[in-house]
Amino acid sequence: MTTAAYSPVQVLALPAMPSVKDAFAAMNIGPTNGYALIRDGQFPIEVIEFGRAKRVRRADLLTFLGLSETAAVEVQSAAATADDGAPGVQPEAPSAEQPAPTSK
């Protein structure tokens, strides 16, 4: 099974304690290599075990990836604003500055 790598926006939207599988996707490594790194004590982020569940801190993941916690707050704030039904310009809507199409 192949897991697609997460974009920075997806990483910033992760919960406070994402699973190691989410961390693997954020770091663009496969689960086989990721679990081997954890087993060998070489995983670059502290892994916290809750029974059989393995989690990492989002803050540690963001630091490792060079992303800021401030950016995570901005993404969450923007997502909350987008979900409140506020009117806005849709990406596919034509701008008033675009010239009208001409036919020849």
N, C-alpha and C. Protein backbone atom coordinates (compact mmCIF):
# COMPACT_ATOMS: atom_id res chain seq x y z
N MET A 1 0.84 -1.17 0.00
CA MET A 1 0.00 0.00 0.00
C MET A 1 0.89 1.24 0.00
N THR A 2 0.63 2.15 -0.89
CA THR A 2 1.41 3.37 -0.99
C THR A 2 0.62 4.53 -0.41
N THR A 3 1.28 5.33 0.40
CA THR A 3 0.64 6.50 0.98
C THR A 3 1.17 7.73 0.29
N ALA A 4 0.27 8.60 -0.15
CA ALA A 4 0.69 9.82 -0.82
C ALA A 4 1.26 10.79 0.20
N ALA A 5 2.28 11.53 -0.22
CA ALA A 5 2.89 12.52 0.66
C ALA A 5 1.91 13.65 0.92
N TYR A 6 1.95 14.20 2.12
CA TYR A 6 1.08 15.31 2.49
C TYR A 6 1.67 16.62 2.01
N SER A 7 0.80 17.53 1.62
CA SER A 7 1.22 18.88 1.28
C SER A 7 1.43 19.65 2.58
N PRO A 8 2.13 20.80 2.53
CA PRO A 8 2.29 21.60 3.75
C PRO A 8 0.95 21.98 4.39
N VAL A 9 -0.05 22.26 3.58
CA VAL A 9 -1.37 22.62 4.12
C VAL A 9 -1.96 21.44 4.88
N GLN A 10 -1.82 20.23 4.34
CA GLN A 10 -2.33 19.05 5.02
C GLN A 10 -1.58 18.79 6.32
N VAL A 11 -0.28 19.02 6.32
CA VAL A 11 0.51 18.83 7.53
C VAL A 11 0.08 19.83 8.59
N LEU A 12 -0.11 21.08 8.19
CA LEU A 12 -0.51 22.12 9.15
C LEU A 12 -1.89 21.86 9.73
N ALA A 13 -2.72 21.11 9.01
CA ALA A 13 -4.08 20.82 9.48
C ALA A 13 -4.16 19.56 10.34
N LEU A 14 -3.04 18.88 10.58
CA LEU A 14 -3.06 17.67 11.39
C LEU A 14 -3.44 17.99 12.84
N PRO A 15 -4.00 17.00 13.55
CA PRO A 15 -4.34 17.23 14.97
C PRO A 15 -3.07 17.37 15.81
N ALA A 16 -3.23 17.71 17.08
CA ALA A 16 -2.10 17.93 17.98
C ALA A 16 -1.23 16.69 18.14
N MET A 17 -1.82 15.51 18.07
CA MET A 17 -1.08 14.26 18.22
C MET A 17 -1.41 13.33 17.04
N PRO A 18 -0.83 13.60 15.86
CA PRO A 18 -1.14 12.73 14.72
C PRO A 18 -0.48 11.36 14.88
N SER A 19 -1.02 10.41 14.16
CA SER A 19 -0.46 9.05 14.17
C SER A 19 0.90 9.06 13.47
N VAL A 20 1.68 8.02 13.73
CA VAL A 20 2.97 7.93 13.04
C VAL A 20 2.76 7.76 11.54
N LYS A 21 1.64 7.16 11.13
CA LYS A 21 1.36 7.03 9.70
C LYS A 21 1.19 8.41 9.06
N ASP A 22 0.55 9.34 9.78
CA ASP A 22 0.45 10.71 9.28
C ASP A 22 1.84 11.34 9.21
N ALA A 23 2.66 11.08 10.22
CA ALA A 23 4.03 11.61 10.22
C ALA A 23 4.82 11.06 9.04
N PHE A 24 4.66 9.77 8.77
CA PHE A 24 5.35 9.17 7.62
C PHE A 24 4.95 9.88 6.33
N ALA A 25 3.64 10.11 6.16
CA ALA A 25 3.16 10.77 4.94
C ALA A 25 3.69 12.20 4.86
N ALA A 26 3.72 12.89 5.99
CA ALA A 26 4.23 14.26 6.00
C ALA A 26 5.72 14.30 5.64
N MET A 27 6.44 13.27 6.05
CA MET A 27 7.88 13.21 5.80
C MET A 27 8.20 12.50 4.48
N ASN A 28 7.18 12.04 3.80
CA ASN A 28 7.31 11.34 2.51
C ASN A 28 8.19 10.09 2.63
N ILE A 29 7.94 9.30 3.69
CA ILE A 29 8.61 8.01 3.83
C ILE A 29 7.52 6.94 3.96
N GLY A 30 7.83 5.76 3.53
CA GLY A 30 6.87 4.67 3.60
C GLY A 30 6.77 4.09 5.00
N PRO A 31 5.68 3.37 5.26
CA PRO A 31 5.49 2.79 6.59
C PRO A 31 6.55 1.76 6.96
N THR A 32 7.05 0.99 6.00
CA THR A 32 8.07 -0.01 6.31
C THR A 32 9.33 0.67 6.84
N ASN A 33 9.79 1.70 6.14
CA ASN A 33 10.97 2.43 6.59
C ASN A 33 10.70 3.19 7.88
N GLY A 34 9.52 3.79 7.99
CA GLY A 34 9.17 4.54 9.18
C GLY A 34 9.17 3.68 10.42
N TYR A 35 8.50 2.52 10.35
CA TYR A 35 8.46 1.63 11.51
C TYR A 35 9.85 1.06 11.82
N ALA A 36 10.67 0.83 10.79
CA ALA A 36 12.04 0.36 11.03
C ALA A 36 12.85 1.43 11.77
N LEU A 37 12.69 2.68 11.39
CA LEU A 37 13.38 3.78 12.08
C LEU A 37 12.94 3.87 13.55
N ILE A 38 11.64 3.71 13.78
CA ILE A 38 11.13 3.74 15.16
C ILE A 38 11.72 2.57 15.95
N ARG A 39 11.67 1.38 15.37
CA ARG A 39 12.17 0.17 16.05
C ARG A 39 13.65 0.31 16.40
N ASP A 40 14.42 0.93 15.49
CA ASP A 40 15.87 1.08 15.70
C ASP A 40 16.24 2.31 16.52
N GLY A 41 15.22 3.06 16.95
CA GLY A 41 15.49 4.26 17.74
C GLY A 41 16.08 5.40 16.92
N GLN A 42 15.87 5.39 15.61
CA GLN A 42 16.45 6.39 14.72
C GLN A 42 15.42 7.37 14.14
N PHE A 43 14.16 7.24 14.55
CA PHE A 43 13.13 8.15 14.03
C PHE A 43 13.44 9.55 14.55
N PRO A 44 13.44 10.56 13.69
CA PRO A 44 13.91 11.90 14.09
C PRO A 44 12.97 12.68 15.02
N ILE A 45 11.80 12.13 15.30
CA ILE A 45 10.82 12.79 16.16
C ILE A 45 10.46 11.82 17.28
N GLU A 46 10.26 12.36 18.48
CA GLU A 46 9.87 11.50 19.60
C GLU A 46 8.53 10.83 19.32
N VAL A 47 8.48 9.53 19.51
CA VAL A 47 7.25 8.75 19.32
C VAL A 47 6.68 8.43 20.69
N ILE A 48 5.40 8.71 20.85
CA ILE A 48 4.71 8.47 22.12
C ILE A 48 3.76 7.30 21.91
N GLU A 49 3.88 6.29 22.75
CA GLU A 49 3.05 5.09 22.61
C GLU A 49 1.93 5.10 23.63
N PHE A 50 0.72 4.86 23.14
CA PHE A 50 -0.47 4.70 23.96
C PHE A 50 -0.96 3.28 23.69
N GLY A 51 -0.50 2.34 24.49
CA GLY A 51 -0.81 0.94 24.20
C GLY A 51 -0.13 0.56 22.90
N ARG A 52 -0.91 0.16 21.92
CA ARG A 52 -0.36 -0.18 20.61
C ARG A 52 -0.30 1.02 19.66
N ALA A 53 -1.00 2.08 20.00
CA ALA A 53 -1.02 3.27 19.15
C ALA A 53 0.27 4.06 19.32
N LYS A 54 0.79 4.52 18.21
CA LYS A 54 2.00 5.33 18.21
C LYS A 54 1.66 6.70 17.64
N ARG A 55 2.04 7.74 18.37
CA ARG A 55 1.72 9.10 17.97
C ARG A 55 2.96 9.98 18.08
N VAL A 56 2.91 11.13 17.42
CA VAL A 56 3.95 12.15 17.54
C VAL A 56 3.28 13.47 17.88
N ARG A 57 4.05 14.40 18.36
CA ARG A 57 3.52 15.75 18.60
C ARG A 57 3.58 16.53 17.30
N ARG A 58 2.48 17.19 16.97
CA ARG A 58 2.45 18.00 15.74
C ARG A 58 3.54 19.06 15.79
N ALA A 59 3.75 19.68 16.95
CA ALA A 59 4.77 20.73 17.07
C ALA A 59 6.16 20.18 16.70
N ASP A 60 6.46 18.95 17.15
CA ASP A 60 7.76 18.34 16.80
C ASP A 60 7.85 18.06 15.31
N LEU A 61 6.76 17.59 14.72
CA LEU A 61 6.73 17.32 13.29
C LEU A 61 6.91 18.60 12.49
N LEU A 62 6.21 19.66 12.89
CA LEU A 62 6.33 20.94 12.19
C LEU A 62 7.75 21.48 12.29
N THR A 63 8.36 21.36 13.47
CA THR A 63 9.74 21.82 13.64
C THR A 63 10.68 21.04 12.74
N PHE A 64 10.52 19.72 12.70
CA PHE A 64 11.38 18.89 11.86
C PHE A 64 11.24 19.28 10.39
N LEU A 65 10.02 19.56 9.96
CA LEU A 65 9.77 19.90 8.55
C LEU A 65 10.05 21.36 8.23
N GLY A 66 10.35 22.16 9.25
CA GLY A 66 10.63 23.58 9.02
C GLY A 66 9.39 24.41 8.82
N LEU A 67 8.26 23.92 9.30
CA LEU A 67 7.01 24.67 9.23
C LEU A 67 6.76 25.28 10.60
N SER A 68 6.08 26.42 10.64
CA SER A 68 5.87 27.09 11.92
C SER A 68 4.50 26.80 12.49
N GLU A 69 4.40 26.81 13.80
CA GLU A 69 3.12 26.62 14.49
C GLU A 69 2.20 27.79 14.17
N THR A 70 2.78 28.98 13.96
CA THR A 70 1.98 30.16 13.60
C THR A 70 1.24 29.92 12.30
N ALA A 71 1.91 29.30 11.35
CA ALA A 71 1.26 29.00 10.07
C ALA A 71 0.11 28.02 10.28
N ALA A 72 0.27 27.08 11.21
CA ALA A 72 -0.80 26.12 11.50
C ALA A 72 -2.02 26.85 12.03
N VAL A 73 -1.82 27.81 12.91
CA VAL A 73 -2.93 28.57 13.47
C VAL A 73 -3.62 29.37 12.36
N GLU A 74 -2.84 29.95 11.46
CA GLU A 74 -3.41 30.71 10.35
C GLU A 74 -4.24 29.82 9.43
N VAL A 75 -3.76 28.61 9.16
CA VAL A 75 -4.51 27.68 8.30
C VAL A 75 -5.82 27.30 8.98
N GLN A 76 -5.77 26.99 10.28
CA GLN A 76 -6.99 26.61 10.99
C GLN A 76 -7.96 27.77 11.04
N SER A 77 -7.46 28.98 11.23
CA SER A 77 -8.32 30.16 11.26
C SER A 77 -8.97 30.38 9.90
N ALA A 78 -8.20 30.23 8.84
CA ALA A 78 -8.74 30.40 7.49
C ALA A 78 -9.79 29.34 7.19
N ALA A 79 -9.54 28.11 7.64
CA ALA A 79 -10.50 27.03 7.42
C ALA A 79 -11.80 27.31 8.16
N ALA A 80 -11.70 27.82 9.37
CA ALA A 80 -12.89 28.13 10.16
C ALA A 80 -13.67 29.27 9.51
N THR A 81 -12.97 30.25 8.98
CA THR A 81 -13.62 31.37 8.30
C THR A 81 -14.31 30.88 7.03
N ALA A 82 -13.67 29.98 6.31
CA ALA A 82 -14.24 29.47 5.06
C ALA A 82 -15.49 28.63 5.33
N ASP A 83 -15.55 27.99 6.49
CA ASP A 83 -16.68 27.13 6.81
C ASP A 83 -17.89 27.89 7.35
N ASP A 84 -17.75 29.17 7.64
CA ASP A 84 -18.86 29.89 8.27
C ASP A 84 -19.86 30.48 7.27
N GLY A 85 -19.69 30.18 5.99
CA GLY A 85 -20.63 30.63 4.98
C GLY A 85 -20.44 32.09 4.60
N ALA A 86 -19.32 32.67 4.95
CA ALA A 86 -19.06 34.06 4.59
C ALA A 86 -18.92 34.17 3.08
N PRO A 87 -19.47 35.23 2.52
CA PRO A 87 -19.34 35.38 1.07
C PRO A 87 -17.90 35.67 0.70
N GLY A 88 -17.51 35.21 -0.45
CA GLY A 88 -16.15 35.44 -0.93
C GLY A 88 -16.07 35.16 -2.41
N VAL A 89 -14.98 35.53 -2.99
CA VAL A 89 -14.77 35.29 -4.42
C VAL A 89 -14.37 33.84 -4.59
N GLN A 90 -15.05 33.16 -5.46
CA GLN A 90 -14.73 31.78 -5.75
C GLN A 90 -13.55 31.75 -6.71
N PRO A 91 -12.64 30.77 -6.55
CA PRO A 91 -11.46 30.72 -7.42
C PRO A 91 -11.80 30.62 -8.90
N GLU A 92 -12.91 29.96 -9.23
CA GLU A 92 -13.25 29.79 -10.63
C GLU A 92 -14.08 30.94 -11.20
N ALA A 93 -14.47 31.88 -10.35
CA ALA A 93 -15.28 33.00 -10.82
C ALA A 93 -14.41 33.97 -11.60
N PRO A 94 -14.88 34.46 -12.75
CA PRO A 94 -14.08 35.40 -13.53
C PRO A 94 -13.95 36.74 -12.80
N SER A 95 -12.83 37.34 -12.95
CA SER A 95 -12.56 38.64 -12.34
C SER A 95 -13.12 39.73 -13.24
N ALA A 96 -13.48 40.86 -12.65
CA ALA A 96 -14.00 41.99 -13.42
C ALA A 96 -12.91 42.57 -14.32
N GLU A 97 -11.65 42.28 -14.02
CA GLU A 97 -10.55 42.83 -14.80
C GLU A 97 -10.25 42.02 -16.05
N GLN A 98 -10.85 40.86 -16.19
CA GLN A 98 -10.59 40.03 -17.36
C GLN A 98 -11.34 40.59 -18.56
N PRO A 99 -10.69 40.69 -19.72
CA PRO A 99 -11.38 41.17 -20.91
C PRO A 99 -12.39 40.15 -21.41
N ALA A 100 -13.44 40.64 -22.01
CA ALA A 100 -14.47 39.78 -22.56
C ALA A 100 -13.90 39.01 -23.75
N PRO A 101 -14.30 37.76 -23.94
CA PRO A 101 -13.80 36.99 -25.08
C PRO A 101 -14.33 37.60 -26.39
N THR A 102 -13.49 37.58 -27.40
CA THR A 102 -13.89 38.10 -28.70
C THR A 102 -13.89 36.95 -29.70
N SER A 103 -14.82 37.00 -30.62
CA SER A 103 -14.87 35.97 -31.65
C SER A 103 -14.45 36.59 -32.98
N LYS A 104 -13.77 35.81 -33.78
CA LYS A 104 -13.31 36.31 -35.09
C LYS A 104 -14.00 35.59 -36.19
